[in-house]
Amino acid sequence: MTFRALLVEKSAEGAISQSIQELDDSRLPDGDVTVRVDYSTLNYKDGLCLTGQGGLVRTYPHVPGIDFSGTVESSADSRYKPGDRVVLTGWRVGEAWWGGYATRARVKAEWLVPLPDAMTARQAMAVGTAGLTAMLAVIALEKAGLTPDKGEVLVTGAAGGVGSVAVAILARLGYRVAAVTGRPETADYLRSLGASDIIPRADIADPSPKPLESERWAGAVDSVGGEMLGRVLKQMKYDGAVASIGLAASAAVPSFTVIPFLLRGVSLLGIDSVMRPYSERVAAWNRITTDLPLGMLEAMVTEHGLSELPELGRAILAGQVKGRVVIDPSR
């Protein structure tokens, strides 16, 4: 048997190339479960893997795609049987392990999660790693004491994948959401997801020499990092919390001090979705079916085929992708 895949290769001179190929099943990595991939999606990490940046891919040739949804074709593990619907995110699939940019994937059983009954495979990838991360961020903020009555919640990088889902979930839960974007043309889109206020990126991106600024936000979901994260932390209300989920701008926060932690009791919550335990993944996916308006997903989604991925990979690294991108590997 064969499967269709987007294969990334590296020449002896270091040049990266991508091509769609028909590969024999013997090329699949070792694993317990073989899945027919119905859909994958596009994340920032996928852009890095497609272009050979970031050092995420160590071995070539490689099939990227850090998440996928589909149907079990065969299983050597009693937890899954042919016909089961499953979803996979994380575990370095698509980086160190062949991933979802193919019509078939083979993985370890413990990496899979049963797809909730209320969700289709396409909806699962409209959510994807980005949406799962957003849900984990909201859960972490709730555990830190955030409730709608405490005030406004800020979402940075709001028009991106994580930000879009975070805005929609928070609005559905009754929070007043302020959405930060550097693209004015996305304002109507963000309001359609439930954002109450649109904050131009320029208003919050520049460094401030002050150790503290006026209290504005009860909570925040930050996917940008860098100076913007520093500004957000300085503007948090007393006992507020920030869920940090990305570093699109930078991993460093040069102008930041610990003063918000010491004088306002602000919490900085690190959100990792890659190695999250099985039980927490299941809980988060189940929360998504109730807390994210699944009918609203379609407003976030554009669908593409494998041949469009090289261009899409470059676009997401340049911050030019809005919402969620769903990939149909059969196209």
C-alpha atoms as a PDB file:
ATOM      1  CA  MET A   1       0.000   0.000   0.000  1.00  0.00           C
ATOM      2  CA  THR A   2       1.039   3.595  -0.541  1.00  0.00           C
ATOM      3  CA  PHE A   3       0.160   6.973   0.918  1.00  0.00           C
ATOM      4  CA  ARG A   4       0.363  10.558  -0.296  1.00  0.00           C
ATOM      5  CA  ALA A   5       2.632  12.923   1.632  1.00  0.00           C
ATOM      6  CA  LEU A   6       4.391  16.258   1.514  1.00  0.00           C
ATOM      7  CA  LEU A   7       8.056  15.323   1.879  1.00  0.00           C
ATOM      8  CA  VAL A   8      10.632  17.873   3.008  1.00  0.00           C
ATOM      9  CA  GLU A   9      14.190  17.083   1.921  1.00  0.00           C
ATOM     10  CA  LYS A  10      17.581  18.653   2.551  1.00  0.00           C
ATOM     11  CA  SER A  11      20.377  18.598  -0.010  1.00  0.00           C
ATOM     12  CA  ALA A  12      24.045  18.009   0.740  1.00  0.00           C
ATOM     13  CA  GLU A  13      24.491  21.785   0.402  1.00  0.00           C
ATOM     14  CA  GLY A  14      21.767  22.428   2.981  1.00  0.00           C
ATOM     15  CA  ALA A  15      19.001  23.574   0.615  1.00  0.00           C
ATOM     16  CA  ILE A  16      15.451  22.710   1.730  1.00  0.00           C
ATOM     17  CA  SER A  17      12.872  21.490  -0.798  1.00  0.00           C
ATOM     18  CA  GLN A  18       9.299  20.243  -0.561  1.00  0.00           C
ATOM     19  CA  SER A  19       7.455  17.889  -2.896  1.00  0.00           C
ATOM     20  CA  ILE A  20       4.303  15.783  -2.878  1.00  0.00           C
ATOM     21  CA  GLN A  21       5.158  12.120  -3.266  1.00  0.00           C
ATOM     22  CA  GLU A  22       3.456   8.733  -3.238  1.00  0.00           C
ATOM     23  CA  LEU A  23       5.317   6.678  -0.626  1.00  0.00           C
ATOM     24  CA  ASP A  24       5.202   3.011   0.281  1.00  0.00           C
ATOM     25  CA  ASP A  25       3.762   2.149   3.704  1.00  0.00           C
ATOM     26  CA  SER A  26       7.136   0.678   4.638  1.00  0.00           C
ATOM     27  CA  ARG A  27       8.392   4.276   4.911  1.00  0.00           C
ATOM     28  CA  LEU A  28       6.101   4.968   7.881  1.00  0.00           C
ATOM     29  CA  PRO A  29       7.852   5.093  11.275  1.00  0.00           C
ATOM     30  CA  ASP A  30       7.428   2.344  13.847  1.00  0.00           C
ATOM     31  CA  GLY A  31       4.348   2.692  16.019  1.00  0.00           C
ATOM     32  CA  ASP A  32       1.340   0.966  17.571  1.00  0.00           C
ATOM     33  CA  VAL A  33      -1.455   2.609  15.596  1.00  0.00           C
ATOM     34  CA  THR A  34      -1.859   3.417  11.904  1.00  0.00           C
ATOM     35  CA  VAL A  35      -4.306   6.241  11.205  1.00  0.00           C
ATOM     36  CA  ARG A  36      -5.961   7.365   7.998  1.00  0.00           C
ATOM     37  CA  VAL A  37      -5.450  11.113   8.213  1.00  0.00           C
ATOM     38  CA  ASP A  38      -8.574  13.071   7.329  1.00  0.00           C
ATOM     39  CA  TYR A  39      -7.263  16.535   8.187  1.00  0.00           C
ATOM     40  CA  SER A  40      -4.219  18.338   9.517  1.00  0.00           C
ATOM     41  CA  THR A  41      -3.644  22.031  10.110  1.00  0.00           C
ATOM     42  CA  LEU A  42      -1.024  24.795  10.048  1.00  0.00           C
ATOM     43  CA  ASN A  43       0.823  26.080  13.125  1.00  0.00           C
ATOM     44  CA  TYR A  44       3.861  28.308  13.612  1.00  0.00           C
ATOM     45  CA  LYS A  45       6.003  25.226  14.252  1.00  0.00           C
ATOM     46  CA  ASP A  46       4.817  23.774  10.950  1.00  0.00           C
ATOM     47  CA  GLY A  47       6.113  26.873   9.202  1.00  0.00           C
ATOM     48  CA  LEU A  48       9.516  26.298  10.794  1.00  0.00           C
ATOM     49  CA  CYS A  49       9.536  22.613   9.817  1.00  0.00           C
ATOM     50  CA  LEU A  50       8.432  23.314   6.245  1.00  0.00           C
ATOM     51  CA  THR A  51      11.211  25.847   5.732  1.00  0.00           C
ATOM     52  CA  GLY A  52      13.945  24.076   7.705  1.00  0.00           C
ATOM     53  CA  GLN A  53      14.196  26.822  10.327  1.00  0.00           C
ATOM     54  CA  GLY A  54      14.397  26.606  14.093  1.00  0.00           C
ATOM     55  CA  GLY A  55      16.298  23.326  14.271  1.00  0.00           C
ATOM     56  CA  LEU A  56      13.082  21.366  14.962  1.00  0.00           C
ATOM     57  CA  VAL A  57      13.712  18.774  12.234  1.00  0.00           C
ATOM     58  CA  ARG A  58      16.921  16.843  12.754  1.00  0.00           C
ATOM     59  CA  THR A  59      16.480  13.988  10.268  1.00  0.00           C
ATOM     60  CA  TYR A  60      15.568  14.241   6.570  1.00  0.00           C
ATOM     61  CA  PRO A  61      13.584  13.361   4.533  1.00  0.00           C
ATOM     62  CA  HIS A  62      10.694  14.385   6.757  1.00  0.00           C
ATOM     63  CA  VAL A  63       6.889  14.667   6.762  1.00  0.00           C
ATOM     64  CA  PRO A  64       5.787  17.705   8.849  1.00  0.00           C
ATOM     65  CA  GLY A  65       2.377  18.352  10.406  1.00  0.00           C
ATOM     66  CA  ILE A  66       2.316  18.587  14.199  1.00  0.00           C
ATOM     67  CA  ASP A  67      -1.313  17.558  14.540  1.00  0.00           C
ATOM     68  CA  PHE A  68      -3.945  15.527  12.711  1.00  0.00           C
ATOM     69  CA  SER A  69      -7.365  13.933  13.041  1.00  0.00           C
ATOM     70  CA  GLY A  70      -8.544  10.756  11.421  1.00  0.00           C
ATOM     71  CA  THR A  71      -9.670   7.151  11.715  1.00  0.00           C
ATOM     72  CA  VAL A  72      -7.721   4.167  13.034  1.00  0.00           C
ATOM     73  CA  GLU A  73      -6.909   1.670  10.275  1.00  0.00           C
ATOM     74  CA  SER A  74      -4.972  -0.829  12.392  1.00  0.00           C
ATOM     75  CA  SER A  75      -3.799  -1.052  15.981  1.00  0.00           C
ATOM     76  CA  ALA A  76      -1.474  -3.267  18.005  1.00  0.00           C
ATOM     77  CA  ASP A  77      -2.701  -1.563  21.197  1.00  0.00           C
ATOM     78  CA  SER A  78      -5.922  -2.611  22.943  1.00  0.00           C
ATOM     79  CA  ARG A  79      -6.908   1.026  23.574  1.00  0.00           C
ATOM     80  CA  TYR A  80      -7.752   1.547  19.909  1.00  0.00           C
ATOM     81  CA  LYS A  81      -9.411  -0.529  17.206  1.00  0.00           C
ATOM     82  CA  PRO A  82     -10.076   0.011  13.483  1.00  0.00           C
ATOM     83  CA  GLY A  83     -12.786   2.592  12.955  1.00  0.00           C
ATOM     84  CA  ASP A  84     -12.032   4.627  16.092  1.00  0.00           C
ATOM     85  CA  ARG A  85     -11.914   8.390  15.495  1.00  0.00           C
ATOM     86  CA  VAL A  86      -8.820   9.998  17.007  1.00  0.00           C
ATOM     87  CA  VAL A  87      -6.943  13.273  17.267  1.00  0.00           C
ATOM     88  CA  LEU A  88      -3.242  13.884  17.870  1.00  0.00           C
ATOM     89  CA  THR A  89      -1.407  17.004  18.993  1.00  0.00           C
ATOM     90  CA  GLY A  90       2.093  17.408  20.384  1.00  0.00           C
ATOM     91  CA  TRP A  91       4.665  14.784  21.391  1.00  0.00           C
ATOM     92  CA  ARG A  92       7.048  16.234  18.761  1.00  0.00           C
ATOM     93  CA  VAL A  93       5.084  14.558  15.979  1.00  0.00           C
ATOM     94  CA  GLY A  94       5.781  16.540  12.823  1.00  0.00           C
ATOM     95  CA  GLU A  95       9.177  17.513  14.253  1.00  0.00           C
ATOM     96  CA  ALA A  96      11.108  14.417  15.372  1.00  0.00           C
ATOM     97  CA  TRP A  97       8.420  12.020  14.072  1.00  0.00           C
ATOM     98  CA  TRP A  98       6.622  11.952  10.731  1.00  0.00           C
ATOM     99  CA  GLY A  99       3.397  13.898  11.047  1.00  0.00           C
ATOM    100  CA  GLY A 100       0.052  14.797   9.560  1.00  0.00           C
ATOM    101  CA  TYR A 101       0.890  16.183   6.118  1.00  0.00           C
ATOM    102  CA  ALA A 102       0.075  12.793   4.645  1.00  0.00           C
ATOM    103  CA  THR A 103      -2.930  10.576   4.043  1.00  0.00           C
ATOM    104  CA  ARG A 104      -1.580   8.012   6.526  1.00  0.00           C
ATOM    105  CA  ALA A 105       0.386   8.264   9.789  1.00  0.00           C
ATOM    106  CA  ARG A 106       1.758   5.738  12.270  1.00  0.00           C
ATOM    107  CA  VAL A 107       2.240   6.787  15.910  1.00  0.00           C
ATOM    108  CA  LYS A 108       2.396   5.542  19.480  1.00  0.00           C
ATOM    109  CA  ALA A 109      -0.989   4.799  21.060  1.00  0.00           C
ATOM    110  CA  GLU A 110      -0.341   6.979  24.109  1.00  0.00           C
ATOM    111  CA  TRP A 111      -0.054  10.047  21.885  1.00  0.00           C
ATOM    112  CA  LEU A 112      -3.633   9.739  20.640  1.00  0.00           C
ATOM    113  CA  VAL A 113      -6.845  11.032  22.200  1.00  0.00           C
ATOM    114  CA  PRO A 114     -10.342   9.822  21.267  1.00  0.00           C
ATOM    115  CA  LEU A 115     -12.141  12.419  19.191  1.00  0.00           C
ATOM    116  CA  PRO A 116     -15.161  13.729  21.153  1.00  0.00           C
ATOM    117  CA  ASP A 117     -18.481  12.494  19.743  1.00  0.00           C
ATOM    118  CA  ALA A 118     -19.757  16.046  19.310  1.00  0.00           C
ATOM    119  CA  MET A 119     -16.873  17.019  17.024  1.00  0.00           C
ATOM    120  CA  THR A 120     -16.066  16.180  13.402  1.00  0.00           C
ATOM    121  CA  ALA A 121     -12.516  15.483  12.197  1.00  0.00           C
ATOM    122  CA  ARG A 122     -12.539  18.780  10.293  1.00  0.00           C
ATOM    123  CA  GLN A 123     -13.686  20.705  13.365  1.00  0.00           C
ATOM    124  CA  ALA A 124     -10.933  19.038  15.402  1.00  0.00           C
ATOM    125  CA  MET A 125      -8.322  20.466  13.063  1.00  0.00           C
ATOM    126  CA  ALA A 126     -10.070  23.823  12.910  1.00  0.00           C
ATOM    127  CA  VAL A 127      -9.276  23.721  16.642  1.00  0.00           C
ATOM    128  CA  GLY A 128      -5.939  21.859  16.399  1.00  0.00           C
ATOM    129  CA  THR A 129      -2.893  22.487  18.566  1.00  0.00           C
ATOM    130  CA  ALA A 130      -3.635  26.218  18.550  1.00  0.00           C
ATOM    131  CA  GLY A 131      -7.142  25.752  19.904  1.00  0.00           C
ATOM    132  CA  LEU A 132      -6.077  23.130  22.422  1.00  0.00           C
ATOM    133  CA  THR A 133      -3.399  25.528  23.676  1.00  0.00           C
ATOM    134  CA  ALA A 134      -5.970  28.300  23.968  1.00  0.00           C
ATOM    135  CA  MET A 135      -8.257  26.039  26.003  1.00  0.00           C
ATOM    136  CA  LEU A 136      -5.383  25.011  28.277  1.00  0.00           C
ATOM    137  CA  ALA A 137      -4.590  28.700  28.803  1.00  0.00           C
ATOM    138  CA  VAL A 138      -8.175  29.467  29.807  1.00  0.00           C
ATOM    139  CA  ILE A 139      -8.238  26.496  32.195  1.00  0.00           C
ATOM    140  CA  ALA A 140      -4.978  27.700  33.781  1.00  0.00           C
ATOM    141  CA  LEU A 141      -6.379  31.223  34.212  1.00  0.00           C
ATOM    142  CA  GLU A 142      -9.492  29.785  35.859  1.00  0.00           C
ATOM    143  CA  LYS A 143      -7.349  27.767  38.263  1.00  0.00           C
ATOM    144  CA  ALA A 144      -5.491  30.996  39.091  1.00  0.00           C
ATOM    145  CA  GLY A 145      -8.802  32.545  40.173  1.00  0.00           C
ATOM    146  CA  LEU A 146      -9.938  34.428  37.057  1.00  0.00           C
ATOM    147  CA  THR A 147     -13.697  34.938  36.754  1.00  0.00           C
ATOM    148  CA  PRO A 148     -15.719  37.218  34.457  1.00  0.00           C
ATOM    149  CA  ASP A 149     -16.612  39.599  37.283  1.00  0.00           C
ATOM    150  CA  LYS A 150     -12.946  40.459  37.913  1.00  0.00           C
ATOM    151  CA  GLY A 151     -12.558  42.530  34.776  1.00  0.00           C
ATOM    152  CA  GLU A 152     -11.376  42.580  31.173  1.00  0.00           C
ATOM    153  CA  VAL A 153      -9.138  39.885  29.676  1.00  0.00           C
ATOM    154  CA  LEU A 154      -6.500  40.787  27.090  1.00  0.00           C
ATOM    155  CA  VAL A 155      -5.576  38.495  24.181  1.00  0.00           C
ATOM    156  CA  THR A 156      -2.434  39.367  22.205  1.00  0.00           C
ATOM    157  CA  GLY A 157      -1.854  38.099  18.679  1.00  0.00           C
ATOM    158  CA  ALA A 158      -5.626  37.852  18.642  1.00  0.00           C
ATOM    159  CA  ALA A 159      -6.118  37.313  14.907  1.00  0.00           C
ATOM    160  CA  GLY A 160      -3.780  34.299  14.876  1.00  0.00           C
ATOM    161  CA  GLY A 161      -4.750  30.696  15.513  1.00  0.00           C
ATOM    162  CA  VAL A 162      -4.402  30.591  19.300  1.00  0.00           C
ATOM    163  CA  GLY A 163      -5.684  34.116  19.723  1.00  0.00           C
ATOM    164  CA  SER A 164      -8.812  33.562  17.616  1.00  0.00           C
ATOM    165  CA  VAL A 165      -9.869  30.526  19.618  1.00  0.00           C
ATOM    166  CA  ALA A 166      -8.997  32.203  22.931  1.00  0.00           C
ATOM    167  CA  VAL A 167     -11.173  35.219  22.062  1.00  0.00           C
ATOM    168  CA  ALA A 168     -14.107  32.979  21.107  1.00  0.00           C
ATOM    169  CA  ILE A 169     -13.848  30.791  24.225  1.00  0.00           C
ATOM    170  CA  LEU A 170     -13.466  33.687  26.646  1.00  0.00           C
ATOM    171  CA  ALA A 171     -16.380  35.573  25.093  1.00  0.00           C
ATOM    172  CA  ARG A 172     -18.544  32.444  25.259  1.00  0.00           C
ATOM    173  CA  LEU A 173     -17.715  32.111  28.974  1.00  0.00           C
ATOM    174  CA  GLY A 174     -18.909  35.652  29.645  1.00  0.00           C
ATOM    175  CA  TYR A 175     -15.628  37.576  29.759  1.00  0.00           C
ATOM    176  CA  ARG A 176     -15.154  41.028  28.295  1.00  0.00           C
ATOM    177  CA  VAL A 177     -12.287  40.499  25.837  1.00  0.00           C
ATOM    178  CA  ALA A 178      -9.810  43.069  24.516  1.00  0.00           C
ATOM    179  CA  ALA A 179      -8.074  41.832  21.361  1.00  0.00           C
ATOM    180  CA  VAL A 180      -4.627  43.089  20.321  1.00  0.00           C
ATOM    181  CA  THR A 181      -3.861  43.089  16.609  1.00  0.00           C
ATOM    182  CA  GLY A 182      -1.419  44.774  14.283  1.00  0.00           C
ATOM    183  CA  ARG A 183      -3.771  44.300  11.334  1.00  0.00           C
ATOM    184  CA  PRO A 184      -6.636  46.832  11.392  1.00  0.00           C
ATOM    185  CA  GLU A 185      -8.452  44.862   8.687  1.00  0.00           C
ATOM    186  CA  THR A 186      -9.057  42.025  11.195  1.00  0.00           C
ATOM    187  CA  ALA A 187     -11.107  44.195  13.593  1.00  0.00           C
ATOM    188  CA  ASP A 188     -14.487  43.078  12.242  1.00  0.00           C
ATOM    189  CA  TYR A 189     -13.369  39.454  12.292  1.00  0.00           C
ATOM    190  CA  LEU A 190     -12.317  39.739  15.952  1.00  0.00           C
ATOM    191  CA  ARG A 191     -15.577  41.408  16.916  1.00  0.00           C
ATOM    192  CA  SER A 192     -17.446  38.557  15.212  1.00  0.00           C
ATOM    193  CA  LEU A 193     -15.616  36.162  17.547  1.00  0.00           C
ATOM    194  CA  GLY A 194     -16.762  38.124  20.583  1.00  0.00           C
ATOM    195  CA  ALA A 195     -14.051  40.749  21.190  1.00  0.00           C
ATOM    196  CA  SER A 196     -15.446  43.850  22.908  1.00  0.00           C
ATOM    197  CA  ASP A 197     -12.422  46.090  22.347  1.00  0.00           C
ATOM    198  CA  ILE A 198      -9.757  46.194  19.643  1.00  0.00           C
ATOM    199  CA  ILE A 199      -6.305  47.329  20.816  1.00  0.00           C
ATOM    200  CA  PRO A 200      -3.827  48.406  18.093  1.00  0.00           C
ATOM    201  CA  ARG A 201      -0.558  46.551  18.525  1.00  0.00           C
ATOM    202  CA  ALA A 202       1.380  49.828  18.510  1.00  0.00           C
ATOM    203  CA  ASP A 203      -0.387  50.868  21.709  1.00  0.00           C
ATOM    204  CA  ILE A 204       1.137  48.044  23.691  1.00  0.00           C
ATOM    205  CA  ALA A 205       4.170  46.775  21.760  1.00  0.00           C
ATOM    206  CA  ASP A 206       6.754  49.420  22.680  1.00  0.00           C
ATOM    207  CA  PRO A 207       8.865  49.073  25.855  1.00  0.00           C
ATOM    208  CA  SER A 208       8.059  51.213  28.874  1.00  0.00           C
ATOM    209  CA  PRO A 209      10.711  52.303  31.410  1.00  0.00           C
ATOM    210  CA  LYS A 210       8.135  52.243  34.213  1.00  0.00           C
ATOM    211  CA  PRO A 211       8.182  49.227  36.560  1.00  0.00           C
ATOM    212  CA  LEU A 212       4.367  49.431  36.763  1.00  0.00           C
ATOM    213  CA  GLU A 213       1.608  51.038  34.714  1.00  0.00           C
ATOM    214  CA  SER A 214      -2.077  51.672  35.413  1.00  0.00           C
ATOM    215  CA  GLU A 215      -4.016  48.513  36.257  1.00  0.00           C
ATOM    216  CA  ARG A 216      -6.077  47.427  33.225  1.00  0.00           C
ATOM    217  CA  TRP A 217      -6.373  43.655  32.814  1.00  0.00           C
ATOM    218  CA  ALA A 218      -7.705  40.957  35.132  1.00  0.00           C
ATOM    219  CA  GLY A 219      -6.190  38.258  32.945  1.00  0.00           C
ATOM    220  CA  ALA A 220      -4.345  37.824  29.667  1.00  0.00           C
ATOM    221  CA  VAL A 221      -3.457  35.223  27.054  1.00  0.00           C
ATOM    222  CA  ASP A 222      -0.152  36.174  25.395  1.00  0.00           C
ATOM    223  CA  SER A 223       1.219  34.526  22.266  1.00  0.00           C
ATOM    224  CA  VAL A 224       3.703  37.279  21.398  1.00  0.00           C
ATOM    225  CA  GLY A 225       6.288  37.444  24.191  1.00  0.00           C
ATOM    226  CA  GLY A 226       9.033  40.066  24.002  1.00  0.00           C
ATOM    227  CA  GLU A 227       8.340  43.652  24.955  1.00  0.00           C
ATOM    228  CA  MET A 228       4.599  43.178  24.594  1.00  0.00           C
ATOM    229  CA  LEU A 229       4.574  40.578  27.364  1.00  0.00           C
ATOM    230  CA  GLY A 230       6.550  43.011  29.525  1.00  0.00           C
ATOM    231  CA  ARG A 231       3.970  45.754  28.955  1.00  0.00           C
ATOM    232  CA  VAL A 232       1.078  43.398  29.660  1.00  0.00           C
ATOM    233  CA  LEU A 233       2.582  42.262  32.974  1.00  0.00           C
ATOM    234  CA  LYS A 234       3.053  45.885  34.063  1.00  0.00           C
ATOM    235  CA  GLN A 235      -0.609  46.619  33.301  1.00  0.00           C
ATOM    236  CA  MET A 236      -2.140  43.677  35.178  1.00  0.00           C
ATOM    237  CA  LYS A 237      -4.599  44.267  37.991  1.00  0.00           C
ATOM    238  CA  TYR A 238      -3.773  43.148  41.502  1.00  0.00           C
ATOM    239  CA  ASP A 239      -3.784  39.334  41.729  1.00  0.00           C
ATOM    240  CA  GLY A 240      -4.152  39.072  37.933  1.00  0.00           C
ATOM    241  CA  ALA A 241      -2.693  36.269  35.821  1.00  0.00           C
ATOM    242  CA  VAL A 242      -1.089  35.993  32.384  1.00  0.00           C
ATOM    243  CA  ALA A 243      -1.045  32.724  30.433  1.00  0.00           C
ATOM    244  CA  SER A 244       2.111  32.721  28.277  1.00  0.00           C
ATOM    245  CA  ILE A 245       1.769  30.498  25.220  1.00  0.00           C
ATOM    246  CA  GLY A 246       4.184  31.811  22.587  1.00  0.00           C
ATOM    247  CA  LEU A 247       7.141  33.929  21.521  1.00  0.00           C
ATOM    248  CA  ALA A 248       6.233  35.233  18.084  1.00  0.00           C
ATOM    249  CA  ALA A 249       8.098  38.479  18.819  1.00  0.00           C
ATOM    250  CA  SER A 250      10.883  37.254  21.095  1.00  0.00           C
ATOM    251  CA  ALA A 251      11.721  34.897  23.945  1.00  0.00           C
ATOM    252  CA  ALA A 252      13.388  37.755  25.822  1.00  0.00           C
ATOM    253  CA  VAL A 253      11.616  40.474  27.828  1.00  0.00           C
ATOM    254  CA  PRO A 254      14.405  43.068  28.131  1.00  0.00           C
ATOM    255  CA  SER A 255      12.638  45.914  29.950  1.00  0.00           C
ATOM    256  CA  PHE A 256      10.751  43.781  32.461  1.00  0.00           C
ATOM    257  CA  THR A 257      11.347  43.571  36.220  1.00  0.00           C
ATOM    258  CA  VAL A 258       9.835  41.388  38.957  1.00  0.00           C
ATOM    259  CA  ILE A 259       7.955  44.356  40.461  1.00  0.00           C
ATOM    260  CA  PRO A 260       4.485  43.241  39.172  1.00  0.00           C
ATOM    261  CA  PHE A 261       4.987  39.911  40.931  1.00  0.00           C
ATOM    262  CA  LEU A 262       6.071  41.498  44.203  1.00  0.00           C
ATOM    263  CA  LEU A 263       3.726  44.506  44.442  1.00  0.00           C
ATOM    264  CA  ARG A 264       0.604  43.244  42.667  1.00  0.00           C
ATOM    265  CA  GLY A 265       0.817  39.493  43.156  1.00  0.00           C
ATOM    266  CA  VAL A 266       0.639  38.915  39.384  1.00  0.00           C
ATOM    267  CA  SER A 267       1.002  35.299  38.209  1.00  0.00           C
ATOM    268  CA  LEU A 268       2.796  34.285  34.999  1.00  0.00           C
ATOM    269  CA  LEU A 269       1.502  30.885  33.864  1.00  0.00           C
ATOM    270  CA  GLY A 270       3.526  28.856  31.365  1.00  0.00           C
ATOM    271  CA  ILE A 271       1.336  26.837  28.973  1.00  0.00           C
ATOM    272  CA  ASP A 272       2.771  23.738  27.287  1.00  0.00           C
ATOM    273  CA  SER A 273       0.617  21.591  25.020  1.00  0.00           C
ATOM    274  CA  VAL A 274       3.334  19.282  23.682  1.00  0.00           C
ATOM    275  CA  MET A 275       3.832  16.975  26.679  1.00  0.00           C
ATOM    276  CA  ARG A 276       0.491  17.518  28.437  1.00  0.00           C
ATOM    277  CA  PRO A 277      -0.694  14.305  30.175  1.00  0.00           C
ATOM    278  CA  TYR A 278      -3.461  12.240  28.572  1.00  0.00           C
ATOM    279  CA  SER A 279      -6.106  13.006  31.209  1.00  0.00           C
ATOM    280  CA  GLU A 280      -5.612  16.753  30.826  1.00  0.00           C
ATOM    281  CA  ARG A 281      -5.817  16.500  27.033  1.00  0.00           C
ATOM    282  CA  VAL A 282      -9.091  14.597  27.239  1.00  0.00           C
ATOM    283  CA  ALA A 283     -10.503  17.142  29.702  1.00  0.00           C
ATOM    284  CA  ALA A 284      -9.441  20.051  27.477  1.00  0.00           C
ATOM    285  CA  TRP A 285     -10.955  18.524  24.319  1.00  0.00           C
ATOM    286  CA  ASN A 286     -14.218  17.901  26.161  1.00  0.00           C
ATOM    287  CA  ARG A 287     -14.231  21.506  27.407  1.00  0.00           C
ATOM    288  CA  ILE A 288     -13.726  22.689  23.831  1.00  0.00           C
ATOM    289  CA  THR A 289     -16.946  20.972  22.708  1.00  0.00           C
ATOM    290  CA  THR A 290     -18.931  22.981  25.269  1.00  0.00           C
ATOM    291  CA  ASP A 291     -16.958  26.240  25.650  1.00  0.00           C
ATOM    292  CA  LEU A 292     -16.062  26.961  22.029  1.00  0.00           C
ATOM    293  CA  PRO A 293     -19.022  27.728  19.756  1.00  0.00           C
ATOM    294  CA  LEU A 294     -18.300  25.074  17.134  1.00  0.00           C
ATOM    295  CA  GLY A 295     -20.596  26.808  14.675  1.00  0.00           C
ATOM    296  CA  MET A 296     -18.306  29.848  14.908  1.00  0.00           C
ATOM    297  CA  LEU A 297     -15.271  27.812  13.838  1.00  0.00           C
ATOM    298  CA  GLU A 298     -16.147  28.166  10.181  1.00  0.00           C
ATOM    299  CA  ALA A 299     -15.590  31.929  10.399  1.00  0.00           C
ATOM    300  CA  MET A 300     -11.984  31.223  11.464  1.00  0.00           C
ATOM    301  CA  VAL A 301     -11.174  28.562   8.866  1.00  0.00           C
ATOM    302  CA  THR A 302      -9.683  28.420   5.404  1.00  0.00           C
ATOM    303  CA  GLU A 303      -9.064  25.000   3.829  1.00  0.00           C
ATOM    304  CA  HIS A 304      -6.090  24.107   1.636  1.00  0.00           C
ATOM    305  CA  GLY A 305      -4.296  21.120   0.127  1.00  0.00           C
ATOM    306  CA  LEU A 306      -0.739  19.815   0.476  1.00  0.00           C
ATOM    307  CA  SER A 307       0.547  21.721  -2.554  1.00  0.00           C
ATOM    308  CA  GLU A 308      -0.209  25.065  -0.904  1.00  0.00           C
ATOM    309  CA  LEU A 309       1.739  24.316   2.282  1.00  0.00           C
ATOM    310  CA  PRO A 310       5.176  25.692   1.274  1.00  0.00           C
ATOM    311  CA  GLU A 311       3.664  29.127   0.632  1.00  0.00           C
ATOM    312  CA  LEU A 312       1.480  28.908   3.739  1.00  0.00           C
ATOM    313  CA  GLY A 313       4.499  27.998   5.841  1.00  0.00           C
ATOM    314  CA  ARG A 314       6.283  31.164   4.791  1.00  0.00           C
ATOM    315  CA  ALA A 315       3.142  33.212   5.365  1.00  0.00           C
ATOM    316  CA  ILE A 316       2.573  32.053   8.937  1.00  0.00           C
ATOM    317  CA  LEU A 317       6.189  32.849   9.845  1.00  0.00           C
ATOM    318  CA  ALA A 318       5.645  36.360   8.494  1.00  0.00           C
ATOM    319  CA  GLY A 319       2.498  36.821  10.579  1.00  0.00           C
ATOM    320  CA  GLN A 320       0.276  36.890   7.491  1.00  0.00           C
ATOM    321  CA  VAL A 321      -2.139  34.058   8.371  1.00  0.00           C
ATOM    322  CA  LYS A 322      -5.532  34.900   9.892  1.00  0.00           C
ATOM    323  CA  GLY A 323      -7.472  32.400  11.984  1.00  0.00           C
ATOM    324  CA  ARG A 324      -7.126  28.671  11.417  1.00  0.00           C
ATOM    325  CA  VAL A 325      -5.862  26.820   8.352  1.00  0.00           C
ATOM    326  CA  VAL A 326      -7.202  23.298   7.791  1.00  0.00           C
ATOM    327  CA  ILE A 327      -5.232  20.971   5.526  1.00  0.00           C
ATOM    328  CA  ASP A 328      -6.878  18.177   3.507  1.00  0.00           C
ATOM    329  CA  PRO A 329      -3.979  15.795   2.669  1.00  0.00           C
ATOM    330  CA  SER A 330      -5.967  14.106  -0.104  1.00  0.00           C
ATOM    331  CA  ARG A 331      -5.907  17.380  -2.089  1.00  0.00           C
END
